[in-house]
């Protein structure tokens, strides 16, 4: 299900502001959006999830927790209605990572990836592997995250090494020697 033009425009603006470290601008865009959920075949993100991630990057942990709990409540109700929907589990992985619940985060992100494997659709399946790698990184499972990342950046698809090496959501990996070696290998 393709995202509407307004949804795409808003999401791109929010992600670009986050990528550039303009967190207040990203939060303002989120506050002004009329979108109730950002969604496509490869993701299902309540605005409160994106808000929580940005607030966490800003060090505003109490507000981040509140926003991520709101997203988690909404997503959990979705899972209760359709437990086979891969996007809900992938998003719950991000929610649990935002809340510092590593085991739950990895379990949900893994389930999201397992429910939509690369063998089903290479392009979309790789997006769920990327989601799992991000959750692993945020949950402190560095080696497992790097194992998946090394595969992801060498596969054709929509995974951007440029974005991963600059997106603060991935910063848990940036100082790791394996990440630096991969960066040196892939930078041009």
N, C-alpha and C. Protein backbone atom coordinates (compact mmCIF):
# COMPACT_ATOMS: atom_id res chain seq x y z
N UNK A 1 0.84 -1.17 0.00
CA UNK A 1 0.00 0.00 0.00
C UNK A 1 0.88 1.24 0.00
N UNK A 2 0.91 1.96 -1.10
CA UNK A 2 1.76 3.14 -1.18
C UNK A 2 1.28 4.25 -0.27
N UNK A 3 2.22 5.02 0.20
CA UNK A 3 1.90 6.15 1.07
C UNK A 3 1.34 7.29 0.22
N UNK A 4 0.47 8.10 0.82
CA UNK A 4 -0.07 9.25 0.11
C UNK A 4 1.04 10.28 -0.08
N UNK A 5 0.79 11.22 -0.99
CA UNK A 5 1.78 12.27 -1.24
C UNK A 5 2.09 13.07 0.01
N UNK A 6 1.04 13.43 0.79
CA UNK A 6 1.26 14.18 2.03
C UNK A 6 2.08 13.36 3.01
N UNK A 7 1.76 12.10 3.12
CA UNK A 7 2.48 11.21 4.03
C UNK A 7 3.94 11.09 3.61
N UNK A 8 4.18 10.89 2.33
CA UNK A 8 5.56 10.78 1.83
C UNK A 8 6.33 12.07 2.07
N UNK A 9 5.70 13.18 1.74
CA UNK A 9 6.36 14.49 1.92
C UNK A 9 6.71 14.72 3.38
N UNK A 10 5.76 14.46 4.26
CA UNK A 10 6.00 14.65 5.69
C UNK A 10 7.09 13.73 6.20
N UNK A 11 7.03 12.45 5.81
CA UNK A 11 8.03 11.49 6.29
C UNK A 11 9.42 11.85 5.81
N UNK A 12 9.55 12.22 4.55
CA UNK A 12 10.86 12.61 4.03
C UNK A 12 11.39 13.83 4.78
N UNK A 13 10.55 14.79 5.02
CA UNK A 13 10.96 15.99 5.76
C UNK A 13 11.43 15.65 7.17
N UNK A 14 10.69 14.78 7.84
CA UNK A 14 11.04 14.37 9.21
C UNK A 14 12.36 13.62 9.23
N UNK A 15 12.50 12.67 8.32
CA UNK A 15 13.73 11.87 8.27
C UNK A 15 14.94 12.72 7.90
N UNK A 16 14.76 13.63 6.96
CA UNK A 16 15.87 14.50 6.57
C UNK A 16 16.28 15.40 7.73
N UNK A 17 15.32 15.96 8.43
CA UNK A 17 15.65 16.80 9.59
C UNK A 17 16.39 15.98 10.65
N UNK A 18 15.95 14.75 10.90
CA UNK A 18 16.64 13.88 11.87
C UNK A 18 18.06 13.58 11.40
N UNK A 19 18.19 13.24 10.14
CA UNK A 19 19.50 12.91 9.58
C UNK A 19 20.47 14.08 9.69
N UNK A 20 19.96 15.28 9.55
CA UNK A 20 20.79 16.48 9.62
C UNK A 20 20.95 17.01 11.05
N UNK A 21 20.35 16.32 12.02
CA UNK A 21 20.47 16.74 13.41
C UNK A 21 19.59 17.92 13.77
N UNK A 22 18.62 18.22 12.93
CA UNK A 22 17.68 19.32 13.21
C UNK A 22 16.46 18.72 13.91
N UNK A 23 16.68 18.31 15.16
CA UNK A 23 15.66 17.57 15.89
C UNK A 23 14.42 18.39 16.20
N UNK A 24 14.59 19.64 16.57
CA UNK A 24 13.43 20.49 16.85
C UNK A 24 12.57 20.65 15.60
N UNK A 25 13.21 20.79 14.45
CA UNK A 25 12.46 20.89 13.19
C UNK A 25 11.70 19.60 12.91
N UNK A 26 12.34 18.48 13.17
CA UNK A 26 11.67 17.19 12.97
C UNK A 26 10.45 17.07 13.88
N UNK A 27 10.62 17.48 15.13
CA UNK A 27 9.49 17.43 16.07
C UNK A 27 8.36 18.36 15.64
N UNK A 28 8.72 19.51 15.10
CA UNK A 28 7.70 20.45 14.62
C UNK A 28 6.94 19.86 13.44
N UNK A 29 7.67 19.23 12.53
CA UNK A 29 7.01 18.58 11.39
C UNK A 29 6.06 17.48 11.88
N UNK A 30 6.48 16.72 12.88
CA UNK A 30 5.62 15.69 13.44
C UNK A 30 4.38 16.30 14.10
N UNK A 31 4.56 17.39 14.79
CA UNK A 31 3.43 18.05 15.46
C UNK A 31 2.42 18.58 14.45
N UNK A 32 2.90 18.94 13.27
CA UNK A 32 2.03 19.55 12.25
C UNK A 32 1.42 18.55 11.27
N UNK A 33 1.91 17.32 11.27
CA UNK A 33 1.40 16.36 10.29
C UNK A 33 -0.03 15.94 10.62
N UNK A 34 -0.78 15.67 9.59
CA UNK A 34 -2.14 15.14 9.75
C UNK A 34 -2.14 13.62 9.60
N UNK A 35 -0.97 13.06 9.35
CA UNK A 35 -0.83 11.63 9.14
C UNK A 35 -0.99 10.90 10.48
N UNK A 36 -1.84 9.90 10.51
CA UNK A 36 -2.03 9.12 11.74
C UNK A 36 -1.08 7.94 11.83
N UNK A 37 -0.58 7.49 10.68
CA UNK A 37 0.44 6.45 10.65
C UNK A 37 1.16 6.54 9.30
N UNK A 38 2.47 6.47 9.35
CA UNK A 38 3.27 6.40 8.14
C UNK A 38 3.39 4.94 7.77
N UNK A 39 2.97 4.60 6.54
CA UNK A 39 2.99 3.18 6.20
C UNK A 39 3.23 2.96 4.71
N UNK A 40 3.87 1.84 4.45
CA UNK A 40 4.09 1.31 3.11
C UNK A 40 4.27 -0.19 3.30
N UNK A 41 4.60 -0.89 2.25
CA UNK A 41 4.78 -2.34 2.37
C UNK A 41 5.87 -2.70 3.36
N UNK A 42 6.86 -1.83 3.50
CA UNK A 42 8.02 -2.18 4.33
C UNK A 42 8.04 -1.51 5.71
N UNK A 43 7.03 -0.72 6.05
CA UNK A 43 7.01 -0.13 7.40
C UNK A 43 5.60 0.29 7.80
N UNK A 44 5.43 0.45 9.10
CA UNK A 44 4.19 0.92 9.71
C UNK A 44 4.61 1.67 10.97
N UNK A 45 4.73 3.01 10.87
CA UNK A 45 5.28 3.81 11.95
C UNK A 45 4.28 4.84 12.45
N UNK A 46 3.78 4.67 13.66
CA UNK A 46 2.98 5.75 14.24
C UNK A 46 3.88 6.98 14.45
N UNK A 47 3.36 8.17 14.24
CA UNK A 47 4.17 9.37 14.48
C UNK A 47 4.80 9.40 15.88
N UNK A 48 4.11 8.83 16.87
CA UNK A 48 4.67 8.83 18.23
C UNK A 48 5.95 8.00 18.32
N UNK A 49 6.11 6.98 17.47
CA UNK A 49 7.36 6.22 17.43
C UNK A 49 8.50 7.11 16.94
N UNK A 50 8.27 7.82 15.84
CA UNK A 50 9.30 8.72 15.31
C UNK A 50 9.62 9.83 16.32
N UNK A 51 8.59 10.33 16.97
CA UNK A 51 8.78 11.36 17.99
C UNK A 51 9.66 10.80 19.13
N UNK A 52 9.36 9.59 19.58
CA UNK A 52 10.14 8.98 20.65
C UNK A 52 11.59 8.79 20.27
N UNK A 53 11.84 8.36 19.04
CA UNK A 53 13.21 8.17 18.59
C UNK A 53 13.97 9.50 18.59
N UNK A 54 13.33 10.53 18.11
CA UNK A 54 13.98 11.84 18.05
C UNK A 54 14.23 12.39 19.46
N UNK A 55 13.24 12.27 20.32
CA UNK A 55 13.40 12.74 21.70
C UNK A 55 14.53 11.98 22.40
N UNK A 56 14.65 10.70 22.11
CA UNK A 56 15.74 9.90 22.70
C UNK A 56 17.10 10.41 22.21
N UNK A 57 17.18 10.74 20.93
CA UNK A 57 18.43 11.30 20.39
C UNK A 57 18.77 12.64 21.05
N UNK A 58 17.74 13.37 21.46
CA UNK A 58 17.93 14.67 22.10
C UNK A 58 18.26 14.54 23.59
N UNK A 59 18.20 13.31 24.10
CA UNK A 59 18.47 13.09 25.52
C UNK A 59 17.29 13.38 26.42
N UNK A 60 16.12 13.50 25.84
CA UNK A 60 14.90 13.78 26.61
C UNK A 60 14.19 12.46 26.88
N UNK A 61 14.81 11.65 27.76
CA UNK A 61 14.39 10.26 27.95
C UNK A 61 12.97 10.11 28.48
N UNK A 62 12.53 10.96 29.38
CA UNK A 62 11.17 10.86 29.91
C UNK A 62 10.12 11.06 28.82
N UNK A 63 10.33 12.08 28.02
CA UNK A 63 9.40 12.35 26.93
C UNK A 63 9.48 11.25 25.86
N UNK A 64 10.68 10.76 25.61
CA UNK A 64 10.86 9.68 24.64
C UNK A 64 10.10 8.45 25.10
N UNK A 65 10.23 8.12 26.37
CA UNK A 65 9.53 6.95 26.93
C UNK A 65 8.03 7.10 26.74
N UNK A 66 7.50 8.25 27.06
CA UNK A 66 6.06 8.49 26.93
C UNK A 66 5.59 8.31 25.49
N UNK A 67 6.34 8.89 24.55
CA UNK A 67 5.97 8.79 23.13
C UNK A 67 6.05 7.34 22.65
N UNK A 68 7.11 6.64 23.05
CA UNK A 68 7.27 5.25 22.60
C UNK A 68 6.24 4.33 23.26
N UNK A 69 5.88 4.61 24.50
CA UNK A 69 4.82 3.82 25.14
C UNK A 69 3.50 4.01 24.41
N UNK A 70 3.22 5.22 23.97
CA UNK A 70 2.00 5.49 23.19
C UNK A 70 2.02 4.68 21.89
N UNK A 71 3.15 4.70 21.21
CA UNK A 71 3.28 3.92 19.97
C UNK A 71 3.13 2.43 20.26
N UNK A 72 3.73 1.98 21.33
CA UNK A 72 3.66 0.57 21.70
C UNK A 72 2.23 0.11 21.99
N UNK A 73 1.46 0.94 22.66
CA UNK A 73 0.07 0.61 22.96
C UNK A 73 -0.73 0.45 21.66
N UNK A 74 -0.53 1.38 20.74
CA UNK A 74 -1.24 1.32 19.46
C UNK A 74 -0.83 0.08 18.67
N UNK A 75 0.48 -0.19 18.61
CA UNK A 75 0.97 -1.33 17.84
C UNK A 75 0.56 -2.66 18.47
N UNK A 76 0.57 -2.72 19.79
CA UNK A 76 0.17 -3.96 20.46
C UNK A 76 -1.28 -4.29 20.14
N UNK A 77 -2.12 -3.28 20.08
CA UNK A 77 -3.53 -3.54 19.73
C UNK A 77 -3.64 -4.03 18.29
N UNK A 78 -2.78 -3.54 17.42
CA UNK A 78 -2.75 -4.03 16.03
C UNK A 78 -2.31 -5.48 15.98
N UNK A 79 -1.29 -5.84 16.75
CA UNK A 79 -0.79 -7.22 16.79
C UNK A 79 -1.88 -8.16 17.31
N UNK A 80 -2.63 -7.72 18.29
CA UNK A 80 -3.70 -8.55 18.84
C UNK A 80 -4.77 -8.85 17.79
N UNK A 81 -4.96 -7.95 16.84
CA UNK A 81 -5.94 -8.16 15.77
C UNK A 81 -5.35 -8.95 14.61
N UNK A 82 -4.06 -8.77 14.34
CA UNK A 82 -3.41 -9.44 13.22
C UNK A 82 -1.95 -9.71 13.57
N UNK A 83 -1.74 -10.82 14.25
CA UNK A 83 -0.41 -11.18 14.73
C UNK A 83 0.56 -11.62 13.64
N UNK A 84 0.09 -11.77 12.41
CA UNK A 84 0.97 -12.18 11.31
C UNK A 84 1.45 -10.99 10.48
N UNK A 85 1.06 -9.79 10.87
CA UNK A 85 1.46 -8.59 10.11
C UNK A 85 2.88 -8.21 10.49
N UNK A 86 3.80 -8.46 9.58
CA UNK A 86 5.23 -8.25 9.80
C UNK A 86 5.58 -6.82 10.18
N UNK A 87 4.91 -5.84 9.59
CA UNK A 87 5.23 -4.44 9.84
C UNK A 87 4.97 -4.05 11.29
N UNK A 88 3.93 -4.61 11.90
CA UNK A 88 3.63 -4.30 13.29
C UNK A 88 4.74 -4.80 14.21
N UNK A 89 5.22 -6.00 13.94
CA UNK A 89 6.28 -6.57 14.78
C UNK A 89 7.59 -5.81 14.59
N UNK A 90 7.90 -5.45 13.35
CA UNK A 90 9.11 -4.67 13.10
C UNK A 90 9.07 -3.34 13.85
N UNK A 91 7.92 -2.67 13.79
CA UNK A 91 7.77 -1.39 14.49
C UNK A 91 7.82 -1.58 16.00
N UNK A 92 7.23 -2.67 16.50
CA UNK A 92 7.32 -2.94 17.94
C UNK A 92 8.77 -3.16 18.36
N UNK A 93 9.56 -3.75 17.49
CA UNK A 93 10.99 -3.88 17.79
C UNK A 93 11.63 -2.51 18.01
N UNK A 94 11.30 -1.55 17.16
CA UNK A 94 11.82 -0.19 17.31
C UNK A 94 11.31 0.46 18.60
N UNK A 95 10.04 0.22 18.92
CA UNK A 95 9.46 0.76 20.15
C UNK A 95 10.21 0.23 21.37
N UNK A 96 10.38 -1.10 21.43
CA UNK A 96 11.08 -1.69 22.57
C UNK A 96 12.53 -1.21 22.65
N UNK A 97 13.17 -1.02 21.50
CA UNK A 97 14.54 -0.47 21.50
C UNK A 97 14.54 0.94 22.08
N UNK A 98 13.56 1.74 21.70
CA UNK A 98 13.43 3.10 22.22
C UNK A 98 13.23 3.09 23.73
N UNK A 99 12.55 2.07 24.22
CA UNK A 99 12.27 1.95 25.66
C UNK A 99 13.40 1.26 26.42
N UNK A 100 14.45 0.85 25.72
CA UNK A 100 15.56 0.17 26.38
C UNK A 100 15.27 -1.27 26.75
N UNK A 101 14.30 -1.88 26.09
CA UNK A 101 13.90 -3.27 26.36
C UNK A 101 14.50 -4.17 25.28
N UNK A 102 15.80 -4.43 25.40
CA UNK A 102 16.55 -5.10 24.35
C UNK A 102 16.02 -6.46 23.94
N UNK A 103 15.73 -7.33 24.89
CA UNK A 103 15.26 -8.67 24.53
C UNK A 103 13.93 -8.61 23.78
N UNK A 104 13.01 -7.80 24.25
CA UNK A 104 11.72 -7.65 23.58
C UNK A 104 11.91 -7.03 22.19
N UNK A 105 12.81 -6.06 22.10
CA UNK A 105 13.07 -5.40 20.82
C UNK A 105 13.57 -6.40 19.79
N UNK A 106 14.55 -7.20 20.18
CA UNK A 106 15.14 -8.17 19.25
C UNK A 106 14.10 -9.24 18.88
N UNK A 107 13.32 -9.69 19.85
CA UNK A 107 12.29 -10.70 19.57
C UNK A 107 11.30 -10.19 18.52
N UNK A 108 10.79 -8.98 18.70
CA UNK A 108 9.80 -8.43 17.78
C UNK A 108 10.40 -8.15 16.40
N UNK A 109 11.57 -7.55 16.36
CA UNK A 109 12.20 -7.25 15.07
C UNK A 109 12.54 -8.53 14.31
N UNK A 110 12.97 -9.56 15.04
CA UNK A 110 13.26 -10.85 14.41
C UNK A 110 11.99 -11.44 13.83
N UNK A 111 10.90 -11.37 14.58
CA UNK A 111 9.63 -11.89 14.10
C UNK A 111 9.18 -11.14 12.85
N UNK A 112 9.33 -9.83 12.85
CA UNK A 112 8.99 -9.05 11.66
C UNK A 112 9.78 -9.50 10.45
N UNK A 113 11.07 -9.73 10.64
CA UNK A 113 11.93 -10.18 9.55
C UNK A 113 11.58 -11.61 9.13
N UNK A 114 11.29 -12.47 10.09
CA UNK A 114 10.93 -13.85 9.77
C UNK A 114 9.60 -13.93 9.02
N UNK A 115 8.66 -13.06 9.35
CA UNK A 115 7.35 -13.07 8.69
C UNK A 115 7.41 -12.53 7.26
N UNK A 116 8.46 -11.78 6.94
CA UNK A 116 8.63 -11.28 5.57
C UNK A 116 10.09 -11.50 5.16
N UNK A 117 10.44 -12.75 4.88
CA UNK A 117 11.83 -13.07 4.57
C UNK A 117 12.26 -12.57 3.19
N UNK A 118 13.56 -12.48 3.01
CA UNK A 118 14.13 -12.07 1.73
C UNK A 118 13.67 -13.00 0.61
N UNK A 119 13.45 -14.27 0.93
CA UNK A 119 13.01 -15.24 -0.08
C UNK A 119 11.62 -14.91 -0.62
N UNK A 120 10.82 -14.21 0.15
CA UNK A 120 9.47 -13.82 -0.29
C UNK A 120 9.55 -12.66 -1.28
N UNK A 121 10.35 -11.67 -0.94
CA UNK A 121 10.57 -10.51 -1.81
C UNK A 121 11.89 -9.89 -1.39
N UNK A 122 12.85 -9.95 -2.27
CA UNK A 122 14.20 -9.51 -1.93
C UNK A 122 14.24 -8.05 -1.46
N UNK A 123 13.62 -7.18 -2.21
CA UNK A 123 13.67 -5.74 -1.90
C UNK A 123 13.06 -5.44 -0.53
N UNK A 124 11.83 -5.90 -0.33
CA UNK A 124 11.13 -5.60 0.92
C UNK A 124 11.73 -6.42 2.07
N UNK A 125 12.07 -7.67 1.81
CA UNK A 125 12.68 -8.50 2.85
C UNK A 125 13.95 -7.88 3.41
N UNK A 126 14.77 -7.28 2.55
CA UNK A 126 15.99 -6.62 3.03
C UNK A 126 15.69 -5.44 3.93
N UNK A 127 14.56 -4.78 3.71
CA UNK A 127 14.16 -3.67 4.59
C UNK A 127 13.93 -4.17 6.02
N UNK A 128 13.39 -5.39 6.14
CA UNK A 128 13.15 -5.95 7.47
C UNK A 128 14.44 -6.46 8.11
N UNK A 129 15.39 -6.87 7.29
CA UNK A 129 16.72 -7.22 7.82
C UNK A 129 17.40 -5.95 8.33
N UNK A 130 17.24 -4.85 7.60
CA UNK A 130 17.80 -3.57 8.04
C UNK A 130 17.17 -3.14 9.37
N UNK A 131 15.85 -3.28 9.48
CA UNK A 131 15.16 -2.95 10.71
C UNK A 131 15.73 -3.78 11.87
N UNK A 132 15.93 -5.07 11.63
CA UNK A 132 16.49 -5.94 12.66
C UNK A 132 17.90 -5.49 13.02
N UNK A 133 18.71 -5.16 12.04
CA UNK A 133 20.08 -4.69 12.32
C UNK A 133 20.06 -3.42 13.17
N UNK A 134 19.16 -2.50 12.87
CA UNK A 134 19.04 -1.27 13.65
C UNK A 134 18.64 -1.58 15.08
N UNK A 135 17.66 -2.45 15.25
CA UNK A 135 17.21 -2.82 16.59
C UNK A 135 18.35 -3.50 17.35
N UNK A 136 19.06 -4.39 16.70
CA UNK A 136 20.20 -5.05 17.35
C UNK A 136 21.24 -4.02 17.81
N UNK A 137 21.52 -3.05 16.95
CA UNK A 137 22.48 -2.00 17.31
C UNK A 137 22.00 -1.21 18.51
N UNK A 138 20.74 -0.83 18.50
CA UNK A 138 20.20 -0.03 19.60
C UNK A 138 20.05 -0.84 20.88
N UNK A 139 19.96 -2.16 20.75
CA UNK A 139 19.85 -3.04 21.92
C UNK A 139 21.22 -3.46 22.44
N UNK A 140 22.29 -2.92 21.84
CA UNK A 140 23.64 -3.23 22.30
C UNK A 140 24.19 -4.56 21.81
N UNK A 141 23.56 -5.14 20.83
CA UNK A 141 24.02 -6.41 20.24
C UNK A 141 24.84 -6.08 18.99
N UNK A 142 25.98 -5.47 19.24
CA UNK A 142 26.81 -4.90 18.19
C UNK A 142 27.25 -5.90 17.14
N UNK A 143 27.78 -7.03 17.57
CA UNK A 143 28.30 -8.01 16.61
C UNK A 143 27.19 -8.53 15.70
N UNK A 144 26.05 -8.85 16.28
CA UNK A 144 24.92 -9.34 15.48
C UNK A 144 24.44 -8.26 14.50
N UNK A 145 24.41 -7.01 14.95
CA UNK A 145 24.02 -5.90 14.08
C UNK A 145 24.99 -5.76 12.92
N UNK A 146 26.27 -5.82 13.22
CA UNK A 146 27.29 -5.68 12.18
C UNK A 146 27.28 -6.87 11.21
N UNK A 147 26.99 -8.06 11.72
CA UNK A 147 26.87 -9.22 10.82
C UNK A 147 25.82 -8.96 9.75
N UNK A 148 24.67 -8.46 10.16
CA UNK A 148 23.59 -8.18 9.21
C UNK A 148 23.91 -6.98 8.33
N UNK A 149 24.53 -5.99 8.92
CA UNK A 149 24.87 -4.79 8.16
C UNK A 149 25.87 -5.10 7.05
N UNK A 150 26.84 -5.96 7.35
CA UNK A 150 27.82 -6.32 6.32
C UNK A 150 27.16 -6.99 5.12
N UNK A 151 26.15 -7.79 5.36
CA UNK A 151 25.41 -8.41 4.27
C UNK A 151 24.57 -7.36 3.55
N UNK A 152 23.89 -6.53 4.30
CA UNK A 152 22.98 -5.55 3.72
C UNK A 152 23.67 -4.60 2.75
N UNK A 153 24.82 -4.09 3.12
CA UNK A 153 25.45 -3.06 2.29
C UNK A 153 26.12 -3.62 1.04
N UNK A 154 26.22 -4.94 0.97
CA UNK A 154 26.79 -5.54 -0.24
C UNK A 154 25.71 -6.09 -1.17
N UNK A 155 24.46 -6.07 -0.73
CA UNK A 155 23.34 -6.57 -1.54
C UNK A 155 22.71 -5.42 -2.32
N UNK A 156 22.30 -5.71 -3.57
CA UNK A 156 21.54 -4.68 -4.28
C UNK A 156 20.20 -4.45 -3.59
N UNK A 157 19.80 -3.23 -3.51
CA UNK A 157 18.53 -2.92 -2.85
C UNK A 157 18.47 -1.46 -2.48
N UNK A 158 17.62 -1.14 -1.55
CA UNK A 158 17.36 0.23 -1.16
C UNK A 158 18.12 0.64 0.10
N UNK A 159 19.07 -0.15 0.55
CA UNK A 159 19.81 0.15 1.76
C UNK A 159 20.93 1.14 1.40
N UNK A 160 20.97 2.25 2.10
CA UNK A 160 21.93 3.30 1.79
C UNK A 160 23.05 3.34 2.84
N UNK A 161 24.25 3.00 2.41
CA UNK A 161 25.39 3.09 3.30
C UNK A 161 25.60 4.54 3.73
N UNK A 162 25.39 5.46 2.83
CA UNK A 162 25.53 6.88 3.14
C UNK A 162 24.63 7.26 4.32
N UNK A 163 23.37 6.84 4.26
CA UNK A 163 22.43 7.17 5.34
C UNK A 163 22.82 6.47 6.64
N UNK A 164 23.16 5.20 6.56
CA UNK A 164 23.52 4.45 7.77
C UNK A 164 24.73 5.07 8.46
N UNK A 165 25.68 5.53 7.68
CA UNK A 165 26.90 6.09 8.27
C UNK A 165 26.71 7.52 8.78
N UNK A 166 25.52 8.09 8.56
CA UNK A 166 25.25 9.45 9.03
C UNK A 166 24.00 9.58 9.89
N UNK A 167 23.14 8.58 9.85
CA UNK A 167 21.89 8.64 10.60
C UNK A 167 22.17 8.37 12.08
N UNK A 168 21.84 9.31 12.96
CA UNK A 168 22.16 9.14 14.38
C UNK A 168 21.46 7.94 15.03
N UNK A 169 20.44 7.38 14.40
CA UNK A 169 19.84 6.17 14.95
C UNK A 169 20.83 5.00 14.95
N UNK A 170 21.83 5.08 14.08
CA UNK A 170 22.85 4.02 13.98
C UNK A 170 24.12 4.35 14.77
N UNK A 171 24.15 5.43 15.52
CA UNK A 171 25.38 5.89 16.14
C UNK A 171 26.00 4.89 17.11
N UNK A 172 25.25 3.94 17.61
CA UNK A 172 25.81 2.92 18.52
C UNK A 172 26.90 2.10 17.84
N UNK A 173 26.90 2.10 16.52
CA UNK A 173 27.90 1.31 15.77
C UNK A 173 29.07 2.14 15.26
N UNK A 174 28.94 3.42 15.20
CA UNK A 174 29.89 4.26 14.48
C UNK A 174 31.34 4.11 14.92
N UNK A 175 31.60 3.91 16.19
CA UNK A 175 32.97 3.82 16.68
C UNK A 175 33.52 2.39 16.68
N UNK A 176 32.69 1.44 16.32
CA UNK A 176 33.13 0.04 16.31
C UNK A 176 34.15 -0.18 15.19
N UNK A 177 35.25 -0.89 15.48
CA UNK A 177 36.26 -1.14 14.44
C UNK A 177 35.70 -1.81 13.18
N UNK A 178 34.80 -2.77 13.34
CA UNK A 178 34.22 -3.42 12.15
C UNK A 178 33.42 -2.42 11.33
N UNK A 179 32.70 -1.52 11.99
CA UNK A 179 31.94 -0.50 11.28
C UNK A 179 32.91 0.43 10.53
N UNK A 180 33.97 0.83 11.21
CA UNK A 180 34.95 1.71 10.57
C UNK A 180 35.61 1.04 9.37
N UNK A 181 35.91 -0.25 9.48
CA UNK A 181 36.51 -0.98 8.37
C UNK A 181 35.53 -1.07 7.19
N UNK A 182 34.29 -1.31 7.51
CA UNK A 182 33.27 -1.36 6.46
C UNK A 182 33.10 0.00 5.82
N UNK A 183 33.13 1.03 6.61
CA UNK A 183 33.01 2.40 6.10
C UNK A 183 34.17 2.71 5.15
N UNK A 184 35.38 2.34 5.55
CA UNK A 184 36.55 2.59 4.70
C UNK A 184 36.45 1.81 3.39
N UNK A 185 35.95 0.61 3.48
CA UNK A 185 35.81 -0.24 2.30
C UNK A 185 34.76 0.31 1.32
N UNK A 186 33.68 0.86 1.86
CA UNK A 186 32.57 1.28 1.01
C UNK A 186 32.56 2.75 0.65
N UNK A 187 33.34 3.56 1.34
CA UNK A 187 33.34 4.99 1.04
C UNK A 187 34.06 5.25 -0.27
N UNK A 188 33.46 6.16 -1.00
CA UNK A 188 34.09 6.57 -2.27
C UNK A 188 33.96 8.03 -2.48
